[in-house]
PDB file of all heavy atoms in Angstrom:
ATOM      1  N   THR A   1      45.845 145.334 108.851  1.00  0.00           N
ATOM      2  CA  THR A   1      47.128 145.312 109.534  1.00  0.00           C
ATOM      3  C   THR A   1      47.531 146.705 109.994  1.00  0.00           C
ATOM      4  O   THR A   1      47.337 147.689 109.275  1.00  0.00           O
ATOM      5  CB  THR A   1      48.220 144.739 108.622  1.00  0.00           C
ATOM      6  OG1 THR A   1      47.849 143.413 108.215  1.00  0.00           O
ATOM      7  CG2 THR A   1      49.554 144.660 109.347  1.00  0.00           C
ATOM      8  N   VAL A   2      48.105 146.756 111.187  1.00  0.00           N
ATOM      9  CA  VAL A   2      48.690 147.967 111.739  1.00  0.00           C
ATOM     10  C   VAL A   2      50.185 147.732 111.897  1.00  0.00           C
ATOM     11  O   VAL A   2      50.611 146.637 112.267  1.00  0.00           O
ATOM     12  CB  VAL A   2      48.058 148.327 113.090  1.00  0.00           C
ATOM     13  CG1 VAL A   2      48.711 149.570 113.683  1.00  0.00           C
ATOM     14  CG2 VAL A   2      46.566 148.545 112.930  1.00  0.00           C
ATOM     15  N   TYR A   3      50.966 148.751 111.618  1.00  0.00           N
ATOM     16  CA  TYR A   3      52.410 148.638 111.671  1.00  0.00           C
ATOM     17  C   TYR A   3      52.998 149.621 112.673  1.00  0.00           C
ATOM     18  O   TYR A   3      52.419 150.670 112.964  1.00  0.00           O
ATOM     19  CB  TYR A   3      53.028 148.922 110.303  1.00  0.00           C
ATOM     20  CG  TYR A   3      52.514 148.047 109.196  1.00  0.00           C
ATOM     21  CD1 TYR A   3      51.490 148.480 108.366  1.00  0.00           C
ATOM     22  CD2 TYR A   3      53.051 146.779 108.981  1.00  0.00           C
ATOM     23  CE1 TYR A   3      51.012 147.676 107.341  1.00  0.00           C
ATOM     24  CE2 TYR A   3      52.580 145.974 107.965  1.00  0.00           C
ATOM     25  CZ  TYR A   3      51.564 146.424 107.145  1.00  0.00           C
ATOM     26  OH  TYR A   3      51.094 145.623 106.135  1.00  0.00           O
ATOM     27  N   LEU A   4      54.160 149.272 113.168  1.00  0.00           N
ATOM     28  CA  LEU A   4      54.951 150.190 113.968  1.00  0.00           C
ATOM     29  C   LEU A   4      56.381 150.141 113.456  1.00  0.00           C
ATOM     30  O   LEU A   4      57.094 149.164 113.679  1.00  0.00           O
ATOM     31  CB  LEU A   4      54.909 149.828 115.456  1.00  0.00           C
ATOM     32  CG  LEU A   4      55.609 150.810 116.392  1.00  0.00           C
ATOM     33  CD1 LEU A   4      54.874 152.153 116.400  1.00  0.00           C
ATOM     34  CD2 LEU A   4      55.712 150.251 117.804  1.00  0.00           C
ATOM     35  N   GLN A   5      56.763 151.178 112.740  1.00  0.00           N
ATOM     36  CA  GLN A   5      58.131 151.299 112.264  1.00  0.00           C
ATOM     37  C   GLN A   5      58.968 151.915 113.368  1.00  0.00           C
ATOM     38  O   GLN A   5      58.659 153.008 113.844  1.00  0.00           O
ATOM     39  CB  GLN A   5      58.190 152.171 111.008  1.00  0.00           C
ATOM     40  CG  GLN A   5      59.597 152.378 110.457  1.00  0.00           C
ATOM     41  CD  GLN A   5      60.214 151.104 109.942  1.00  0.00           C
ATOM     42  OE1 GLN A   5      59.576 150.350 109.223  1.00  0.00           O
ATOM     43  NE2 GLN A   5      61.464 150.856 110.313  1.00  0.00           N
ATOM     44  N   MET A   6      60.012 151.225 113.757  1.00  0.00           N
ATOM     45  CA  MET A   6      60.837 151.632 114.882  1.00  0.00           C
ATOM     46  C   MET A   6      62.252 151.902 114.378  1.00  0.00           C
ATOM     47  O   MET A   6      62.946 150.983 113.942  1.00  0.00           O
ATOM     48  CB  MET A   6      60.857 150.547 115.958  1.00  0.00           C
ATOM     49  CG  MET A   6      59.463 150.067 116.357  1.00  0.00           C
ATOM     50  SD  MET A   6      59.489 148.500 117.271  1.00  0.00           S
ATOM     51  CE  MET A   6      60.277 149.015 118.782  1.00  0.00           C
ATOM     52  N   ASN A   7      62.658 153.153 114.434  1.00  0.00           N
ATOM     53  CA  ASN A   7      63.986 153.551 114.001  1.00  0.00           C
ATOM     54  C   ASN A   7      64.787 154.082 115.178  1.00  0.00           C
ATOM     55  O   ASN A   7      64.234 154.435 116.212  1.00  0.00           O
ATOM     56  CB  ASN A   7      63.896 154.621 112.907  1.00  0.00           C
ATOM     57  CG  ASN A   7      63.190 154.149 111.667  1.00  0.00           C
ATOM     58  OD1 ASN A   7      63.280 152.986 111.289  1.00  0.00           O
ATOM     59  ND2 ASN A   7      62.491 155.068 111.006  1.00  0.00           N
ATOM     60  N   SER A   8      66.087 154.155 114.988  1.00  0.00           N
ATOM     61  CA  SER A   8      66.985 154.682 116.019  1.00  0.00           C
ATOM     62  C   SER A   8      66.717 154.041 117.371  1.00  0.00           C
ATOM     63  O   SER A   8      66.605 154.712 118.400  1.00  0.00           O
ATOM     64  CB  SER A   8      66.842 156.209 116.113  1.00  0.00           C
ATOM     65  OG  SER A   8      67.130 156.824 114.878  1.00  0.00           O
ATOM     66  N   LEU A   9      66.638 152.741 117.367  1.00  0.00           N
ATOM     67  CA  LEU A   9      66.269 152.019 118.578  1.00  0.00           C
ATOM     68  C   LEU A   9      67.317 152.163 119.669  1.00  0.00           C
ATOM     69  O   LEU A   9      68.520 152.213 119.404  1.00  0.00           O
ATOM     70  CB  LEU A   9      66.036 150.551 118.257  1.00  0.00           C
ATOM     71  CG  LEU A   9      64.695 150.270 117.568  1.00  0.00           C
ATOM     72  CD1 LEU A   9      64.704 148.907 116.899  1.00  0.00           C
ATOM     73  CD2 LEU A   9      63.559 150.350 118.583  1.00  0.00           C
ATOM     74  N   LYS A  10      66.824 152.222 120.886  1.00  0.00           N
ATOM     75  CA  LYS A  10      67.651 152.371 122.071  1.00  0.00           C
ATOM     76  C   LYS A  10      67.445 151.183 122.999  1.00  0.00           C
ATOM     77  O   LYS A  10      66.393 150.539 122.959  1.00  0.00           O
ATOM     78  CB  LYS A  10      67.281 153.659 122.819  1.00  0.00           C
ATOM     79  CG  LYS A  10      67.371 154.929 121.992  1.00  0.00           C
ATOM     80  CD  LYS A  10      66.861 156.122 122.791  1.00  0.00           C
ATOM     81  CE  LYS A  10      66.936 157.400 121.985  1.00  0.00           C
ATOM     82  NZ  LYS A  10      66.415 158.561 122.756  1.00  0.00           N
ATOM     83  N   PRO A  11      68.415 150.889 123.860  1.00  0.00           N
ATOM     84  CA  PRO A  11      68.226 149.788 124.806  1.00  0.00           C
ATOM     85  C   PRO A  11      66.959 149.929 125.647  1.00  0.00           C
ATOM     86  O   PRO A  11      66.332 148.911 125.973  1.00  0.00           O
ATOM     87  CB  PRO A  11      69.482 149.859 125.679  1.00  0.00           C
ATOM     88  CG  PRO A  11      70.518 150.421 124.766  1.00  0.00           C
ATOM     89  CD  PRO A  11      69.783 151.431 123.921  1.00  0.00           C
ATOM     90  N   GLU A  12      66.576 151.148 125.977  1.00  0.00           N
ATOM     91  CA  GLU A  12      65.376 151.355 126.770  1.00  0.00           C
ATOM     92  C   GLU A  12      64.086 151.057 126.022  1.00  0.00           C
ATOM     93  O   GLU A  12      63.008 151.052 126.618  1.00  0.00           O
ATOM     94  CB  GLU A  12      65.334 152.775 127.350  1.00  0.00           C
ATOM     95  CG  GLU A  12      65.560 153.869 126.321  1.00  0.00           C
ATOM     96  CD  GLU A  12      66.996 154.371 126.300  1.00  0.00           C
ATOM     97  OE1 GLU A  12      67.917 153.532 126.300  1.00  0.00           O
ATOM     98  OE2 GLU A  12      67.198 155.607 126.282  1.00  0.00           O
ATOM     99  N   ASP A  13      64.182 150.801 124.723  1.00  0.00           N
ATOM    100  CA  ASP A  13      63.023 150.369 123.957  1.00  0.00           C
ATOM    101  C   ASP A  13      62.750 148.880 124.127  1.00  0.00           C
ATOM    102  O   ASP A  13      61.729 148.379 123.645  1.00  0.00           O
ATOM    103  CB  ASP A  13      63.212 150.669 122.472  1.00  0.00           C
ATOM    104  CG  ASP A  13      63.279 152.161 122.175  1.00  0.00           C
ATOM    105  OD1 ASP A  13      62.501 152.926 122.773  1.00  0.00           O
ATOM    106  OD2 ASP A  13      64.109 152.549 121.334  1.00  0.00           O
ATOM    107  N   THR A  14      63.654 148.179 124.777  1.00  0.00           N
ATOM    108  CA  THR A  14      63.487 146.748 124.993  1.00  0.00           C
ATOM    109  C   THR A  14      62.225 146.476 125.801  1.00  0.00           C
ATOM    110  O   THR A  14      62.052 147.007 126.896  1.00  0.00           O
ATOM    111  CB  THR A  14      64.704 146.163 125.710  1.00  0.00           C
ATOM    112  OG1 THR A  14      65.854 146.301 124.876  1.00  0.00           O
ATOM    113  CG2 THR A  14      64.491 144.697 126.032  1.00  0.00           C
ATOM    114  N   ALA A  15      61.345 145.661 125.252  1.00  0.00           N
ATOM    115  CA  ALA A  15      60.071 145.371 125.893  1.00  0.00           C
ATOM    116  C   ALA A  15      59.310 144.369 125.044  1.00  0.00           C
ATOM    117  O   ALA A  15      59.696 144.073 123.908  1.00  0.00           O
ATOM    118  CB  ALA A  15      59.231 146.648 126.057  1.00  0.00           C
ATOM    119  N   VAL A  16      58.225 143.873 125.594  1.00  0.00           N
ATOM    120  CA  VAL A  16      57.254 143.143 124.801  1.00  0.00           C
ATOM    121  C   VAL A  16      56.259 144.163 124.263  1.00  0.00           C
ATOM    122  O   VAL A  16      55.707 144.959 125.027  1.00  0.00           O
ATOM    123  CB  VAL A  16      56.525 142.065 125.617  1.00  0.00           C
ATOM    124  CG1 VAL A  16      55.478 141.360 124.764  1.00  0.00           C
ATOM    125  CG2 VAL A  16      57.528 141.049 126.155  1.00  0.00           C
ATOM    126  N   TYR A  17      56.052 144.141 122.977  1.00  0.00           N
ATOM    127  CA  TYR A  17      55.160 145.090 122.325  1.00  0.00           C
ATOM    128  C   TYR A  17      53.839 144.418 122.000  1.00  0.00           C
ATOM    129  O   TYR A  17      53.805 143.321 121.439  1.00  0.00           O
ATOM    130  CB  TYR A  17      55.805 145.642 121.050  1.00  0.00           C
ATOM    131  CG  TYR A  17      56.878 146.668 121.343  1.00  0.00           C
ATOM    132  CD1 TYR A  17      58.096 146.288 121.892  1.00  0.00           C
ATOM    133  CD2 TYR A  17      56.660 148.020 121.082  1.00  0.00           C
ATOM    134  CE1 TYR A  17      59.071 147.226 122.184  1.00  0.00           C
ATOM    135  CE2 TYR A  17      57.633 148.961 121.367  1.00  0.00           C
ATOM    136  CZ  TYR A  17      58.841 148.563 121.917  1.00  0.00           C
ATOM    137  OH  TYR A  17      59.803 149.501 122.200  1.00  0.00           O
ATOM    138  N   TYR A  18      52.755 145.091 122.346  1.00  0.00           N
ATOM    139  CA  TYR A  18      51.421 144.555 122.184  1.00  0.00           C
ATOM    140  C   TYR A  18      50.569 145.453 121.293  1.00  0.00           C
ATOM    141  O   TYR A  18      50.615 146.676 121.410  1.00  0.00           O
ATOM    142  CB  TYR A  18      50.708 144.438 123.530  1.00  0.00           C
ATOM    143  CG  TYR A  18      51.354 143.496 124.512  1.00  0.00           C
ATOM    144  CD1 TYR A  18      52.290 143.959 125.427  1.00  0.00           C
ATOM    145  CD2 TYR A  18      51.019 142.149 124.530  1.00  0.00           C
ATOM    146  CE1 TYR A  18      52.880 143.104 126.338  1.00  0.00           C
ATOM    147  CE2 TYR A  18      51.609 141.286 125.444  1.00  0.00           C
ATOM    148  CZ  TYR A  18      52.535 141.769 126.343  1.00  0.00           C
ATOM    149  OH  TYR A  18      53.117 140.914 127.257  1.00  0.00           O
ATOM    150  N   CYS A  19      49.787 144.832 120.466  1.00  0.00           N
ATOM    151  CA  CYS A  19      48.782 145.524 119.676  1.00  0.00           C
ATOM    152  C   CYS A  19      47.462 145.500 120.431  1.00  0.00           C
ATOM    153  O   CYS A  19      47.133 144.503 121.093  1.00  0.00           O
ATOM    154  CB  CYS A  19      48.644 144.833 118.323  1.00  0.00           C
ATOM    155  SG  CYS A  19      47.483 145.590 117.179  1.00  0.00           S
ATOM    156  N   ASN A  20      46.718 146.580 120.339  1.00  0.00           N
ATOM    157  CA  ASN A  20      45.463 146.700 121.071  1.00  0.00           C
ATOM    158  C   ASN A  20      44.382 147.310 120.192  1.00  0.00           C
ATOM    159  O   ASN A  20      44.649 148.200 119.389  1.00  0.00           O
ATOM    160  CB  ASN A  20      45.667 147.559 122.321  1.00  0.00           C
ATOM    161  CG  ASN A  20      44.369 147.956 122.994  1.00  0.00           C
ATOM    162  OD1 ASN A  20      43.922 149.097 122.879  1.00  0.00           O
ATOM    163  ND2 ASN A  20      43.767 147.015 123.702  1.00  0.00           N
ATOM    164  N   ALA A  21      43.169 146.823 120.380  1.00  0.00           N
ATOM    165  CA  ALA A  21      42.028 147.385 119.681  1.00  0.00           C
ATOM    166  C   ALA A  21      40.820 147.379 120.600  1.00  0.00           C
ATOM    167  O   ALA A  21      40.575 146.398 121.305  1.00  0.00           O
ATOM    168  CB  ALA A  21      41.717 146.590 118.413  1.00  0.00           C
ATOM    169  N   VAL A  22      40.086 148.458 120.602  1.00  0.00           N
ATOM    170  CA  VAL A  22      38.810 148.531 121.303  1.00  0.00           C
ATOM    171  C   VAL A  22      37.718 148.456 120.250  1.00  0.00           C
ATOM    172  O   VAL A  22      37.651 149.302 119.356  1.00  0.00           O
ATOM    173  CB  VAL A  22      38.686 149.815 122.136  1.00  0.00           C
ATOM    174  CG1 VAL A  22      37.317 149.872 122.807  1.00  0.00           C
ATOM    175  CG2 VAL A  22      39.794 149.877 123.177  1.00  0.00           C
ATOM    176  N   VAL A  23      36.871 147.443 120.370  1.00  0.00           N
ATOM    177  CA  VAL A  23      35.895 147.141 119.335  1.00  0.00           C
ATOM    178  C   VAL A  23      34.489 147.262 119.894  1.00  0.00           C
ATOM    179  O   VAL A  23      34.182 146.693 120.947  1.00  0.00           O
ATOM    180  CB  VAL A  23      36.108 145.726 118.770  1.00  0.00           C
ATOM    181  CG1 VAL A  23      35.073 145.422 117.689  1.00  0.00           C
ATOM    182  CG2 VAL A  23      37.518 145.589 118.211  1.00  0.00           C
ATOM    183  N   ALA A  24      33.659 147.986 119.184  1.00  0.00           N
ATOM    184  CA  ALA A  24      32.252 148.087 119.545  1.00  0.00           C
ATOM    185  C   ALA A  24      31.508 146.864 119.035  1.00  0.00           C
ATOM    186  O   ALA A  24      31.565 146.540 117.852  1.00  0.00           O
ATOM    187  CB  ALA A  24      31.642 149.356 118.964  1.00  0.00           C
ATOM    188  N   GLU A  25      30.828 146.192 119.947  1.00  0.00           N
ATOM    189  CA  GLU A  25      30.038 145.012 119.608  1.00  0.00           C
ATOM    190  C   GLU A  25      28.664 145.188 120.237  1.00  0.00           C
ATOM    191  O   GLU A  25      28.487 145.012 121.446  1.00  0.00           O
ATOM    192  CB  GLU A  25      30.720 143.736 120.098  1.00  0.00           C
ATOM    193  CG  GLU A  25      32.082 143.508 119.453  1.00  0.00           C
ATOM    194  CD  GLU A  25      32.846 142.342 120.041  1.00  0.00           C
ATOM    195  OE1 GLU A  25      32.365 141.745 121.033  1.00  0.00           O
ATOM    196  OE2 GLU A  25      33.928 142.024 119.519  1.00  0.00           O
ATOM    197  N   GLY A  26      27.709 145.539 119.428  1.00  0.00           N
ATOM    198  CA  GLY A  26      26.408 145.894 119.951  1.00  0.00           C
ATOM    199  C   GLY A  26      26.505 147.186 120.730  1.00  0.00           C
ATOM    200  O   GLY A  26      27.057 148.180 120.249  1.00  0.00           O
ATOM    201  N   SER A  27      26.001 147.169 121.948  1.00  0.00           N
ATOM    202  CA  SER A  27      26.037 148.356 122.792  1.00  0.00           C
ATOM    203  C   SER A  27      27.270 148.424 123.685  1.00  0.00           C
ATOM    204  O   SER A  27      27.409 149.377 124.456  1.00  0.00           O
ATOM    205  CB  SER A  27      24.783 148.408 123.657  1.00  0.00           C
ATOM    206  OG  SER A  27      24.706 147.287 124.511  1.00  0.00           O
ATOM    207  N   ARG A  28      28.168 147.448 123.581  1.00  0.00           N
ATOM    208  CA  ARG A  28      29.347 147.393 124.427  1.00  0.00           C
ATOM    209  C   ARG A  28      30.636 147.519 123.627  1.00  0.00           C
ATOM    210  O   ARG A  28      30.659 147.265 122.428  1.00  0.00           O
ATOM    211  CB  ARG A  28      29.380 146.077 125.216  1.00  0.00           C
ATOM    212  CG  ARG A  28      28.265 145.920 126.225  1.00  0.00           C
ATOM    213  CD  ARG A  28      28.430 144.630 126.991  1.00  0.00           C
ATOM    214  NE  ARG A  28      27.476 144.500 128.077  1.00  0.00           N
ATOM    215  CZ  ARG A  28      27.448 143.489 128.928  1.00  0.00           C
ATOM    216  NH1 ARG A  28      28.325 142.503 128.804  1.00  0.00           N
ATOM    217  NH2 ARG A  28      26.542 143.450 129.880  1.00  0.00           N
ATOM    218  N   SER A  29      31.676 147.898 124.337  1.00  0.00           N
ATOM    219  CA  SER A  29      33.010 147.940 123.766  1.00  0.00           C
ATOM    220  C   SER A  29      33.883 146.916 124.467  1.00  0.00           C
ATOM    221  O   SER A  29      33.790 146.728 125.678  1.00  0.00           O
ATOM    222  CB  SER A  29      33.615 149.333 123.903  1.00  0.00           C
ATOM    223  OG  SER A  29      32.902 150.271 123.123  1.00  0.00           O
ATOM    224  N   TYR A  30      34.751 146.264 123.700  1.00  0.00           N
ATOM    225  CA  TYR A  30      35.628 145.239 124.229  1.00  0.00           C
ATOM    226  C   TYR A  30      37.068 145.543 123.864  1.00  0.00           C
ATOM    227  O   TYR A  30      37.358 146.030 122.770  1.00  0.00           O
ATOM    228  CB  TYR A  30      35.231 143.862 123.698  1.00  0.00           C
ATOM    229  CG  TYR A  30      33.864 143.427 124.147  1.00  0.00           C
ATOM    230  CD1 TYR A  30      32.733 143.792 123.428  1.00  0.00           C
ATOM    231  CD2 TYR A  30      33.702 142.662 125.299  1.00  0.00           C
ATOM    232  CE1 TYR A  30      31.472 143.405 123.842  1.00  0.00           C
ATOM    233  CE2 TYR A  30      32.444 142.270 125.721  1.00  0.00           C
ATOM    234  CZ  TYR A  30      31.334 142.642 124.990  1.00  0.00           C
ATOM    235  OH  TYR A  30      30.077 142.253 125.402  1.00  0.00           O
TER     236      TYR A  30
END
């Protein structure tokens, strides 16, 4: 699990938040 602790939130922080990972699988990355 990865976490994002968000403090002192502002209206401009409003968004959809996405988790991302680049994974090596064999000789390629996905």
